[in-house]
Amino acid sequence: MTIDLKYYFAIFRRRFHYFALAFVAVLAVAGTAALKLPPTYTSQARLLLESPQIPNSLAAPTVSTAALEQLQIFEQRLMTRQNLLEIARRFQVFPGIDTMSPDRIVDAMRDSTQIRNSTGRDQATTMTIAFSARSAATAAAVVNEYVTRILNFSASMRTNQAEQTLQFFKQEVERLSTSLNAQSAKILSFQNQHRGALPATLDFRMTEQSSLRERLNSVQRQVADLRDQKQRLVAIFNATGGVSTNSTGASVSPEAQHLTALQAQLAQALAVLSKSNPKVLMLKAQIAQLEKTVTHQQAAAAAGAATTAADASNNVSTAQKAMLDIQTAQIDGRITQLENQEQELVKTLAKLGKSIDETADNKIALDALERDYDNIQSQYNAAVTRLSQASTGERIEALSKGQRLAVLDPATAPDQPSRPDRRKIILLGLIAGVALGLGLIVLREMLDTSLRRPADLTNALGVTPLVAIPYVRTPGETVGRRMITLGALMLVAVVVPLSMWAIDTYYMPLDLLAAKIQTKLGG
């Protein structure tokens, strides 16, 4: 199949007015845009997020926000409505800004601002800020203002966070210190309330209890021995009529004196020793032997003197009775004293036993109080450690020794505008005009199903015409057709630029409109 170039050229000539209209319209738009679009200057600055000057191993920083997250926070805080309105009005960024609505100003500022963050593993973290304006000085001033505010945001954020952290741990230390004091007061109050039943003195009280029991047993033994002694005295008196001297007033025999001494030793031994002690048993055996001897001596002395002192027996009996009463009274007094001591010991032992029984419950309660105290103490110690770290971190931020933003490349006023590229716009307009014109011709021919050449007639009817006579226009029709085409071209060439001028003047500057359209298409 061969391509009939003459046929297609003929179609192009016949539909040239479509091509011309599209080409002129697009070229008018491109030319108007190239001439009308004001020059736009772009200024940019580059920031670097520096690592802390003091290694983290020596002093951990208070602010631990990730690098990229910090830059995103700074960007969001910078691009707030209030900041953008303030900066735009301060530097008069847009012509006629006083007549623009706040929403238009904010949208235009955001469309004119470009912020790009760069980070990665084993790479420096940087932020590039660019702003486009019709004035080179304005673009540089806005970028420098952006940089100043971001640096202030960074410093204030890190300083405020460090100060808030320090203040928090100060309050935490004070709170835990108060809790410690309160818990100490509870423990002290409990100890004072249960002074005699604390676990710390349990061993001492149990030892004291054993000692008191031994003393009680000793006192009870002494009472029993004194009662035995009293019974023996009464028995001796009933058997002999005397207790310690004979009726003639003679001196006491050595056996009786020895017996008295042994009885005294026995009383002393029973005060500290048990009845089963060998020493006590030996003393009792000696006393029993001497008592028998003294009893026989007294009985013999009484029998020998009965015949010679009958007249004085009544006086002797009275004296011996008095002696017996004196000795029994002394023994009774000693017994009474020991019984009182025994009652005191019983009371003390009962009180001591009660305190020992209460010690287990007191230990549980005291352990709970001390456990709470230890928990608070551990929290307090941890808070003090963190307070020290927070204080160090706050000092690092105050001296700007931590992580910080530094300006690598400050913004300067550019010498050449960044856009528009007028040659590029016109060239693109030419290409677009040609493409649109050709596209309209192709579309028009695709929609037209009429027969246009002999080959179409042969294909449609199956016959070969002898001759094909085309439609021949009159000279008037040709002139009229050309006038209409020329008028349409002139109308398009005038209306399109005027429309673009009206949009630029009364609706939105063309550069802002183009940026807005580009942003929406890119989003």
Protein backbone atom coordinates (compact mmCIF):
# COMPACT_ATOMS: atom_id res chain seq x y z
CA MET A 1 0.00 0.00 0.00
CA THR A 2 1.46 3.33 -1.14
CA ILE A 3 0.84 6.66 0.52
CA ASP A 4 -0.78 9.22 -1.77
CA LEU A 5 1.02 12.39 -0.70
CA LYS A 6 -0.81 14.51 -3.25
CA TYR A 7 -4.14 13.41 -1.78
CA TYR A 8 -3.13 14.26 1.78
CA PHE A 9 -1.65 17.56 0.66
CA ALA A 10 -4.91 18.34 -1.06
CA ILE A 11 -6.80 17.58 2.14
CA PHE A 12 -4.42 19.88 4.05
CA ARG A 13 -5.03 22.69 1.57
CA ARG A 14 -8.80 22.15 1.71
CA ARG A 15 -8.82 22.13 5.57
CA PHE A 16 -6.09 24.73 5.97
CA HIS A 17 -8.45 27.15 7.72
CA TYR A 18 -8.81 24.68 10.64
CA PHE A 19 -5.07 24.41 10.90
CA ALA A 20 -4.65 28.17 10.69
CA LEU A 21 -7.24 28.87 13.40
CA ALA A 22 -5.70 26.38 15.85
CA PHE A 23 -2.16 27.45 15.04
CA VAL A 24 -2.92 31.17 15.42
CA ALA A 25 -4.86 30.61 18.65
CA VAL A 26 -2.12 28.58 20.29
CA LEU A 27 0.59 30.87 18.99
CA ALA A 28 -1.34 33.89 20.28
CA VAL A 29 -1.59 32.31 23.71
CA ALA A 30 2.09 31.41 23.74
CA GLY A 31 3.18 34.79 22.43
CA THR A 32 0.97 36.66 24.90
CA ALA A 33 2.22 34.52 27.76
CA ALA A 34 5.82 34.99 26.70
CA LEU A 35 5.39 38.75 26.51
CA LYS A 36 2.97 39.23 29.39
CA LEU A 37 4.44 36.91 32.00
CA PRO A 38 6.60 39.03 34.30
CA PRO A 39 10.12 37.91 35.11
CA THR A 40 10.30 35.72 38.19
CA TYR A 41 13.41 35.54 40.34
CA THR A 42 14.14 32.55 42.54
CA SER A 43 16.42 32.75 45.54
CA GLN A 44 17.34 29.82 47.73
CA ALA A 45 19.25 28.99 50.91
CA ARG A 46 20.62 25.71 52.20
CA LEU A 47 20.67 24.63 55.86
CA LEU A 48 22.62 21.82 57.49
CA LEU A 49 21.55 19.97 60.63
CA GLU A 50 24.82 19.58 62.54
CA SER A 51 25.53 16.76 64.98
CA PRO A 52 26.01 17.56 68.70
CA GLN A 53 29.40 19.00 69.58
CA ILE A 54 29.46 16.88 72.74
CA PRO A 55 29.32 13.10 72.13
CA ASN A 56 26.15 11.34 73.26
CA SER A 57 28.26 8.85 75.21
CA LEU A 58 29.46 11.66 77.49
CA ALA A 59 26.25 13.67 77.80
CA ALA A 60 22.97 12.53 76.33
CA PRO A 61 20.97 15.38 74.74
CA THR A 62 17.54 16.21 76.09
CA VAL A 63 16.00 16.58 72.61
CA SER A 64 15.89 13.21 70.86
CA THR A 65 13.66 14.01 67.88
CA ALA A 66 14.80 12.41 64.63
CA ALA A 67 16.59 14.68 62.17
CA LEU A 68 14.04 14.42 59.35
CA GLU A 69 11.18 14.81 61.79
CA GLN A 70 12.74 18.02 63.10
CA LEU A 71 12.95 19.47 59.60
CA GLN A 72 9.34 18.51 58.91
CA ILE A 73 8.27 20.19 62.15
CA PHE A 74 10.15 23.36 61.19
CA GLU A 75 8.53 23.32 57.74
CA GLN A 76 5.02 22.93 59.14
CA ARG A 77 5.55 25.70 61.69
CA LEU A 78 6.99 27.99 59.00
CA MET A 79 4.16 27.45 56.53
CA THR A 80 1.38 28.43 58.91
CA ARG A 81 -1.20 30.94 57.73
CA GLN A 82 -0.13 33.59 60.21
CA ASN A 83 3.55 33.44 59.24
CA LEU A 84 2.86 33.55 55.50
CA LEU A 85 0.50 36.52 55.79
CA GLU A 86 2.92 38.38 58.01
CA ILE A 87 5.91 37.81 55.70
CA ALA A 88 3.95 38.60 52.51
CA ARG A 89 2.62 41.89 53.87
CA ARG A 90 5.91 42.85 55.43
CA PHE A 91 7.87 42.52 52.17
CA GLN A 92 4.98 43.41 49.81
CA VAL A 93 5.67 40.20 47.90
CA PHE A 94 2.83 40.53 45.36
CA PRO A 95 1.70 43.60 43.40
CA GLY A 96 -1.62 44.84 44.71
CA ILE A 97 -1.34 42.71 47.83
CA ASP A 98 -3.52 45.15 49.74
CA THR A 99 -6.46 44.20 47.54
CA MET A 100 -5.82 40.45 47.70
CA SER A 101 -7.79 38.28 50.08
CA PRO A 102 -5.89 36.45 52.84
CA ASP A 103 -6.66 33.09 51.23
CA ARG A 104 -5.18 34.21 47.90
CA ILE A 105 -2.07 35.53 49.64
CA VAL A 106 -1.56 32.28 51.55
CA ASP A 107 -2.09 30.14 48.44
CA ALA A 108 0.28 32.32 46.41
CA MET A 109 2.95 32.19 49.12
CA ARG A 110 2.72 28.41 49.33
CA ASP A 111 2.84 28.10 45.54
CA SER A 112 5.93 30.32 45.42
CA THR A 113 7.75 28.45 48.19
CA GLN A 114 9.69 25.26 47.66
CA ILE A 115 11.19 23.34 50.58
CA ARG A 116 13.16 20.15 50.05
CA ASN A 117 14.59 18.01 52.84
CA SER A 118 17.40 15.55 52.24
CA THR A 119 18.60 12.85 54.61
CA GLY A 120 19.71 9.25 54.62
CA ARG A 121 21.96 6.71 56.27
CA ASP A 122 25.53 7.98 56.54
CA GLN A 123 24.43 11.20 54.85
CA ALA A 124 24.17 14.77 56.01
CA THR A 125 20.70 16.14 56.75
CA THR A 126 20.01 19.31 54.77
CA MET A 127 17.09 21.60 54.04
CA THR A 128 16.84 23.68 50.87
CA ILE A 129 14.44 26.64 50.90
CA ALA A 130 13.57 28.52 47.71
CA PHE A 131 11.14 31.35 46.97
CA SER A 132 10.08 32.91 43.70
CA ALA A 133 9.07 36.55 43.36
CA ARG A 134 8.96 39.26 40.73
CA SER A 135 11.77 41.09 42.48
CA ALA A 136 15.16 39.53 43.10
CA ALA A 137 15.58 41.49 46.32
CA THR A 138 12.14 40.41 47.54
CA ALA A 139 12.88 36.74 46.82
CA ALA A 140 16.16 36.91 48.75
CA ALA A 141 14.56 38.83 51.62
CA VAL A 142 11.74 36.30 51.96
CA VAL A 143 14.14 33.33 51.95
CA ASN A 144 16.35 35.00 54.55
CA GLU A 145 13.27 35.64 56.67
CA TYR A 146 12.33 31.98 56.29
CA VAL A 147 15.82 30.96 57.39
CA THR A 148 15.74 33.32 60.37
CA ARG A 149 12.42 31.97 61.55
CA ILE A 150 13.47 28.36 61.11
CA LEU A 151 16.65 28.99 63.10
CA ASN A 152 14.56 30.65 65.81
CA PHE A 153 12.13 27.72 65.74
CA SER A 154 15.01 25.29 66.13
CA ALA A 155 16.64 27.17 69.00
CA SER A 156 13.37 27.83 70.82
CA MET A 157 12.13 24.25 70.36
CA ARG A 158 15.31 22.70 71.72
CA THR A 159 15.66 25.23 74.53
CA ASN A 160 12.01 25.02 75.54
CA GLN A 161 12.03 21.24 75.44
CA ALA A 162 15.19 21.13 77.56
CA GLU A 163 13.77 23.65 80.05
CA GLN A 164 10.44 21.84 80.26
CA THR A 165 12.24 18.54 80.82
CA LEU A 166 14.36 20.10 83.55
CA GLN A 167 11.32 21.71 85.19
CA PHE A 168 9.41 18.43 85.06
CA PHE A 169 12.13 16.48 86.85
CA LYS A 170 12.53 19.27 89.41
CA GLN A 171 8.85 18.96 90.22
CA GLU A 172 9.16 15.18 90.22
CA VAL A 173 12.07 15.28 92.67
CA GLU A 174 10.15 17.67 94.94
CA ARG A 175 7.05 15.48 94.80
CA LEU A 176 8.98 12.30 95.58
CA SER A 177 10.91 14.07 98.34
CA THR A 178 7.60 15.06 99.93
CA SER A 179 6.36 11.49 99.55
CA LEU A 180 9.56 10.19 101.17
CA ASN A 181 9.13 12.52 104.12
CA ALA A 182 5.50 11.53 104.50
CA GLN A 183 6.38 7.83 104.35
CA SER A 184 9.18 8.34 106.87
CA ALA A 185 6.69 10.04 109.18
CA LYS A 186 4.32 7.07 108.82
CA ILE A 187 7.11 4.63 109.68
CA LEU A 188 8.22 6.72 112.68
CA SER A 189 4.64 7.04 113.92
CA PHE A 190 4.12 3.29 113.59
CA GLN A 191 7.37 2.58 115.45
CA ASN A 192 6.43 4.97 118.25
CA GLN A 193 2.96 3.47 118.47
CA HIS A 194 4.35 -0.09 118.71
CA ARG A 195 7.60 0.73 120.43
CA GLY A 196 7.61 -2.42 122.58
CA ALA A 197 6.62 -4.85 119.79
CA LEU A 198 8.98 -4.10 116.93
CA PRO A 199 10.81 -6.83 115.00
CA ALA A 200 14.17 -5.18 115.67
CA THR A 201 13.89 -5.89 119.42
CA LEU A 202 12.38 -9.37 119.13
CA ASP A 203 15.62 -11.21 119.97
CA PHE A 204 16.25 -8.97 122.95
CA ARG A 205 12.71 -9.49 124.26
CA MET A 206 12.90 -13.24 123.78
CA THR A 207 16.19 -13.30 125.71
CA GLU A 208 14.62 -11.13 128.38
CA GLN A 209 11.62 -13.48 128.48
CA SER A 210 13.91 -16.45 129.10
CA SER A 211 15.75 -14.54 131.82
CA LEU A 212 12.50 -13.51 133.50
CA ARG A 213 11.23 -17.08 133.41
CA GLU A 214 14.43 -18.24 135.11
CA ARG A 215 14.02 -15.50 137.72
CA LEU A 216 10.38 -16.51 138.23
CA ASN A 217 11.38 -20.13 138.69
CA SER A 218 14.09 -19.05 141.14
CA VAL A 219 11.65 -16.94 143.15
CA GLN A 220 9.15 -19.79 143.24
CA ARG A 221 11.90 -22.14 144.45
CA GLN A 222 12.93 -19.67 147.15
CA VAL A 223 9.34 -19.40 148.34
CA ALA A 224 9.04 -23.18 148.47
CA ASP A 225 12.36 -23.47 150.36
CA LEU A 226 11.34 -20.79 152.85
CA ARG A 227 8.08 -22.58 153.49
CA ASP A 228 10.02 -25.83 154.00
CA GLN A 229 12.38 -24.02 156.37
CA LYS A 230 9.43 -22.65 158.31
CA GLN A 231 7.92 -26.13 158.62
CA ARG A 232 11.24 -27.52 159.84
CA LEU A 233 11.54 -24.81 162.49
CA VAL A 234 8.05 -25.56 163.71
CA ALA A 235 8.81 -29.27 163.69
CA ILE A 236 12.03 -28.74 165.70
CA PHE A 237 10.21 -26.54 168.18
CA ASN A 238 7.44 -29.08 168.61
CA ALA A 239 9.99 -31.85 169.06
CA THR A 240 12.49 -30.10 171.34
CA GLY A 241 10.68 -27.08 172.69
CA GLY A 242 13.42 -24.84 171.26
CA VAL A 243 14.68 -23.54 167.97
CA SER A 244 18.32 -22.43 168.24
CA THR A 245 19.44 -22.35 171.97
CA ASN A 246 19.12 -24.67 174.98
CA SER A 247 17.08 -23.83 178.13
CA THR A 248 20.12 -23.02 180.17
CA GLY A 249 21.17 -20.25 177.86
CA ALA A 250 24.30 -22.13 176.78
CA SER A 251 25.96 -21.24 173.46
CA VAL A 252 24.84 -22.81 170.23
CA SER A 253 26.68 -25.98 169.26
CA PRO A 254 29.08 -25.95 166.24
CA GLU A 255 26.73 -28.31 164.37
CA ALA A 256 23.87 -25.82 164.81
CA GLN A 257 26.05 -22.94 163.62
CA HIS A 258 27.18 -25.01 160.64
CA LEU A 259 23.54 -25.83 159.91
CA THR A 260 22.62 -22.14 159.90
CA ALA A 261 25.48 -21.35 157.54
CA LEU A 262 24.51 -24.15 155.17
CA GLN A 263 20.91 -22.96 155.15
CA ALA A 264 22.09 -19.49 154.18
CA GLN A 265 24.25 -20.93 151.41
CA LEU A 266 21.30 -22.98 150.16
CA ALA A 267 19.09 -19.90 150.02
CA GLN A 268 21.74 -18.05 148.01
CA ALA A 269 22.27 -20.99 145.65
CA LEU A 270 18.53 -21.38 144.98
CA ALA A 271 18.39 -17.74 143.91
CA VAL A 272 20.49 -18.52 140.85
CA LEU A 273 20.44 -22.34 140.49
CA SER A 274 17.74 -24.90 139.92
CA LYS A 275 16.73 -27.55 142.46
CA SER A 276 18.34 -30.27 140.37
CA ASN A 277 21.72 -28.57 140.41
CA PRO A 278 24.41 -30.82 141.97
CA LYS A 279 25.53 -28.08 144.32
CA VAL A 280 21.98 -27.57 145.61
CA LEU A 281 21.50 -31.31 146.08
CA MET A 282 24.76 -31.53 148.01
CA LEU A 283 23.78 -28.63 150.29
CA LYS A 284 20.38 -30.20 150.94
CA ALA A 285 22.01 -33.52 151.85
CA GLN A 286 24.42 -31.81 154.28
CA ILE A 287 21.59 -29.80 155.83
CA ALA A 288 19.46 -32.91 156.28
CA GLN A 289 22.37 -34.73 157.97
CA LEU A 290 23.12 -31.77 160.27
CA GLU A 291 19.44 -31.34 161.10
CA LYS A 292 19.36 -34.92 162.38
CA THR A 293 22.53 -34.33 164.42
CA VAL A 294 21.28 -31.05 165.87
CA THR A 295 17.92 -32.63 166.67
CA HIS A 296 19.58 -35.47 168.62
CA GLN A 297 21.85 -32.98 170.44
CA GLN A 298 18.95 -30.79 171.42
CA ALA A 299 16.90 -33.81 172.52
CA ALA A 300 19.79 -35.11 174.64
CA ALA A 301 20.41 -31.70 176.15
CA ALA A 302 16.77 -31.30 176.97
CA ALA A 303 16.52 -34.76 178.61
CA GLY A 304 19.66 -34.18 180.73
CA ALA A 305 18.47 -30.87 182.00
CA ALA A 306 14.87 -31.92 182.66
CA THR A 307 15.57 -33.13 186.18
CA THR A 308 17.64 -30.14 187.22
CA ALA A 309 15.72 -27.31 185.61
CA ALA A 310 12.11 -28.22 186.03
CA ASP A 311 11.44 -25.01 187.83
CA ALA A 312 12.73 -22.92 184.92
CA SER A 313 11.15 -24.88 182.07
CA ASN A 314 8.21 -22.56 181.75
CA ASN A 315 10.45 -19.50 181.27
CA VAL A 316 12.62 -21.29 178.67
CA SER A 317 9.56 -22.44 176.71
CA THR A 318 8.27 -18.88 176.58
CA ALA A 319 11.60 -17.57 175.26
CA GLN A 320 11.88 -20.33 172.65
CA LYS A 321 8.30 -19.63 171.55
CA ALA A 322 9.17 -15.98 171.09
CA MET A 323 12.28 -16.93 169.11
CA LEU A 324 10.16 -19.21 166.93
CA ASP A 325 7.68 -16.46 166.29
CA ILE A 326 10.44 -14.03 165.34
CA GLN A 327 12.05 -16.45 162.90
CA THR A 328 8.75 -17.50 161.33
CA ALA A 329 7.77 -13.84 161.04
CA GLN A 330 11.04 -13.15 159.23
CA ILE A 331 10.42 -16.10 156.92
CA ASP A 332 6.84 -14.97 156.27
CA GLY A 333 8.06 -11.47 155.45
CA ARG A 334 10.60 -12.86 153.03
CA ILE A 335 7.92 -15.09 151.47
CA THR A 336 5.58 -12.10 151.09
CA GLN A 337 8.36 -10.11 149.44
CA LEU A 338 9.15 -12.94 147.04
CA GLU A 339 5.46 -13.48 146.23
CA ASN A 340 5.12 -9.79 145.35
CA GLN A 341 8.19 -10.11 143.18
CA GLU A 342 6.64 -13.21 141.62
CA GLN A 343 3.46 -11.30 140.75
CA GLU A 344 5.48 -8.52 139.14
CA LEU A 345 7.44 -11.06 137.13
CA VAL A 346 4.22 -12.76 135.99
CA LYS A 347 2.79 -9.41 134.87
CA THR A 348 6.00 -8.50 133.07
CA LEU A 349 6.12 -11.89 131.37
CA ALA A 350 2.49 -11.58 130.28
CA LYS A 351 3.13 -8.12 128.84
CA LEU A 352 6.32 -9.34 127.18
CA GLY A 353 4.54 -12.38 125.71
CA LYS A 354 1.81 -10.17 124.31
CA SER A 355 4.38 -7.91 122.66
CA ILE A 356 6.13 -10.97 121.18
CA ASP A 357 2.82 -12.26 119.82
CA GLU A 358 2.10 -8.86 118.25
CA THR A 359 5.54 -8.69 116.64
CA ALA A 360 4.57 -10.87 113.65
CA ASP A 361 1.64 -8.63 112.67
CA ASN A 362 3.72 -5.52 113.30
CA LYS A 363 6.49 -6.94 111.12
CA ILE A 364 4.06 -7.43 108.22
CA ALA A 365 2.72 -3.89 108.57
CA LEU A 366 6.20 -2.40 109.02
CA ASP A 367 7.54 -4.35 106.04
CA ALA A 368 4.73 -2.94 103.89
CA LEU A 369 5.56 0.60 105.01
CA GLU A 370 9.28 0.07 104.42
CA ARG A 371 8.59 -1.54 101.04
CA ASP A 372 6.61 1.52 99.99
CA TYR A 373 9.43 3.67 101.28
CA ASP A 374 11.99 1.69 99.26
CA ASN A 375 9.85 2.01 96.13
CA ILE A 376 9.57 5.76 96.59
CA GLN A 377 13.28 5.93 97.35
CA SER A 378 14.14 4.10 94.12
CA GLN A 379 11.85 6.44 92.18
CA TYR A 380 13.44 9.39 93.91
CA ASN A 381 16.95 8.17 93.07
CA ALA A 382 15.96 7.66 89.43
CA ALA A 383 14.37 11.11 89.31
CA VAL A 384 17.50 12.68 90.80
CA THR A 385 19.63 10.93 88.17
CA ARG A 386 17.34 12.11 85.39
CA LEU A 387 17.28 15.59 86.87
CA SER A 388 21.05 15.65 86.64
CA GLN A 389 20.87 14.49 83.02
CA ALA A 390 18.17 17.06 82.25
CA SER A 391 20.26 19.79 83.86
CA THR A 392 23.24 18.78 81.73
CA GLY A 393 21.05 18.67 78.61
CA GLU A 394 19.60 22.10 79.39
CA ARG A 395 23.10 23.49 79.82
CA ILE A 396 24.16 21.97 76.50
CA GLU A 397 21.21 23.56 74.71
CA ALA A 398 21.77 26.91 76.45
CA LEU A 399 25.36 26.95 75.20
CA SER A 400 24.30 25.73 71.71
CA LYS A 401 26.53 22.68 72.03
CA GLY A 402 23.86 20.21 70.96
CA GLN A 403 22.37 19.41 67.59
CA ARG A 404 21.66 22.62 65.67
CA LEU A 405 20.84 24.09 62.28
CA ALA A 406 23.58 25.97 60.45
CA VAL A 407 23.32 28.07 57.29
CA LEU A 408 25.46 26.59 54.53
CA ASP A 409 24.42 28.92 51.71
CA PRO A 410 22.58 32.13 52.58
CA ALA A 411 20.04 33.54 50.16
CA THR A 412 21.27 36.19 47.72
CA ALA A 413 19.48 38.26 45.10
CA PRO A 414 19.76 36.43 41.73
CA ASP A 415 21.09 38.29 38.70
CA GLN A 416 18.90 36.54 36.12
CA PRO A 417 15.23 35.57 36.34
CA SER A 418 14.48 31.90 36.69
CA ARG A 419 11.39 32.12 34.53
CA PRO A 420 9.71 32.52 32.16
CA ASP A 421 11.86 31.13 29.35
CA ARG A 422 10.28 33.19 26.58
CA ARG A 423 11.99 31.36 23.72
CA LYS A 424 10.93 28.05 25.13
CA ILE A 425 7.35 29.26 25.51
CA ILE A 426 7.17 30.47 21.88
CA LEU A 427 8.80 27.29 20.61
CA LEU A 428 6.38 25.16 22.57
CA GLY A 429 3.56 27.35 21.26
CA LEU A 430 4.66 26.73 17.67
CA ILE A 431 4.89 23.00 18.24
CA ALA A 432 1.55 22.89 20.06
CA GLY A 433 -0.10 25.03 17.35
CA VAL A 434 1.09 22.76 14.57
CA ALA A 435 0.07 19.66 16.49
CA LEU A 436 -3.35 21.06 17.34
CA GLY A 437 -3.96 22.22 13.75
CA LEU A 438 -3.01 18.87 12.29
CA GLY A 439 -5.07 17.14 14.93
CA LEU A 440 -8.14 19.17 14.00
CA ILE A 441 -7.68 18.30 10.33
CA VAL A 442 -7.35 14.60 11.12
CA LEU A 443 -10.39 14.72 13.39
CA ARG A 444 -12.43 16.57 10.76
CA GLU A 445 -11.55 14.04 8.09
CA MET A 446 -12.33 11.11 10.38
CA LEU A 447 -15.79 12.54 11.04
CA ASP A 448 -16.42 13.26 7.33
CA THR A 449 -17.69 10.08 5.57
CA SER A 450 -18.37 11.65 2.16
CA LEU A 451 -16.67 10.46 -1.07
CA ARG A 452 -13.65 12.60 -1.79
CA ARG A 453 -11.74 10.86 -4.65
CA PRO A 454 -12.37 8.28 -7.46
CA ALA A 455 -10.89 5.49 -5.39
CA ASP A 456 -13.56 6.07 -2.73
CA LEU A 457 -16.23 5.86 -5.42
CA THR A 458 -14.82 2.62 -6.78
CA ASN A 459 -14.62 1.12 -3.27
CA ALA A 460 -18.17 2.23 -2.45
CA LEU A 461 -20.01 1.37 -5.70
CA GLY A 462 -17.74 -1.21 -7.29
CA VAL A 463 -17.49 0.70 -10.59
CA THR A 464 -14.70 2.68 -12.09
CA PRO A 465 -15.73 6.20 -13.15
CA LEU A 466 -14.60 7.47 -16.51
CA VAL A 467 -13.78 10.88 -15.11
CA ALA A 468 -14.18 12.60 -11.70
CA ILE A 469 -15.26 16.22 -11.75
CA PRO A 470 -14.65 17.96 -8.38
CA TYR A 471 -16.78 20.73 -6.92
CA VAL A 472 -15.72 24.01 -8.48
CA ARG A 473 -16.30 27.16 -6.44
CA THR A 474 -17.10 30.42 -8.04
CA PRO A 475 -14.70 33.31 -7.61
CA GLY A 476 -17.15 34.95 -5.21
CA GLU A 477 -17.32 31.86 -3.03
CA THR A 478 -13.57 31.62 -2.98
CA VAL A 479 -13.16 35.25 -1.95
CA GLY A 480 -15.88 34.96 0.69
CA ARG A 481 -14.36 31.82 2.12
CA ARG A 482 -10.97 33.45 2.33
CA MET A 483 -12.41 36.58 3.96
CA ILE A 484 -14.16 34.49 6.59
CA THR A 485 -11.01 32.56 7.33
CA LEU A 486 -8.94 35.73 7.54
CA GLY A 487 -11.49 37.40 9.79
CA ALA A 488 -11.57 34.42 12.10
CA LEU A 489 -7.81 34.40 12.29
CA MET A 490 -7.73 38.11 13.09
CA LEU A 491 -10.45 37.65 15.70
CA VAL A 492 -8.56 34.85 17.38
CA ALA A 493 -5.32 36.83 17.26
CA VAL A 494 -7.04 39.73 19.03
CA VAL A 495 -9.47 37.99 21.41
CA VAL A 496 -7.01 35.51 22.88
CA PRO A 497 -4.42 38.12 23.98
CA LEU A 498 -7.17 40.39 25.30
CA SER A 499 -8.64 37.51 27.31
CA MET A 500 -5.27 36.69 28.81
CA TRP A 501 -4.73 40.35 29.65
CA ALA A 502 -8.09 40.48 31.40
CA ILE A 503 -7.31 37.33 33.40
CA ASP A 504 -3.92 38.71 34.39
CA THR A 505 -5.36 42.08 35.37
CA TYR A 506 -8.70 41.30 36.99
CA TYR A 507 -8.49 37.70 38.21
CA MET A 508 -4.97 36.47 38.96
CA PRO A 509 -1.51 37.19 37.58
CA LEU A 510 -0.62 34.72 34.88
CA ASP A 511 2.50 33.51 36.66
CA LEU A 512 0.52 32.69 39.81
CA LEU A 513 -2.22 31.09 37.76
CA ALA A 514 0.33 28.98 35.90
CA ALA A 515 1.99 27.96 39.16
CA LYS A 516 -1.38 27.06 40.64
CA ILE A 517 -2.34 24.98 37.62
CA GLN A 518 1.04 23.26 37.70
CA THR A 519 0.63 22.50 41.40
CA LYS A 520 -2.82 20.99 40.89
CA LEU A 521 -1.69 18.94 37.92
CA GLY A 522 1.35 17.77 39.83
CA GLY A 523 -0.77 16.88 42.88
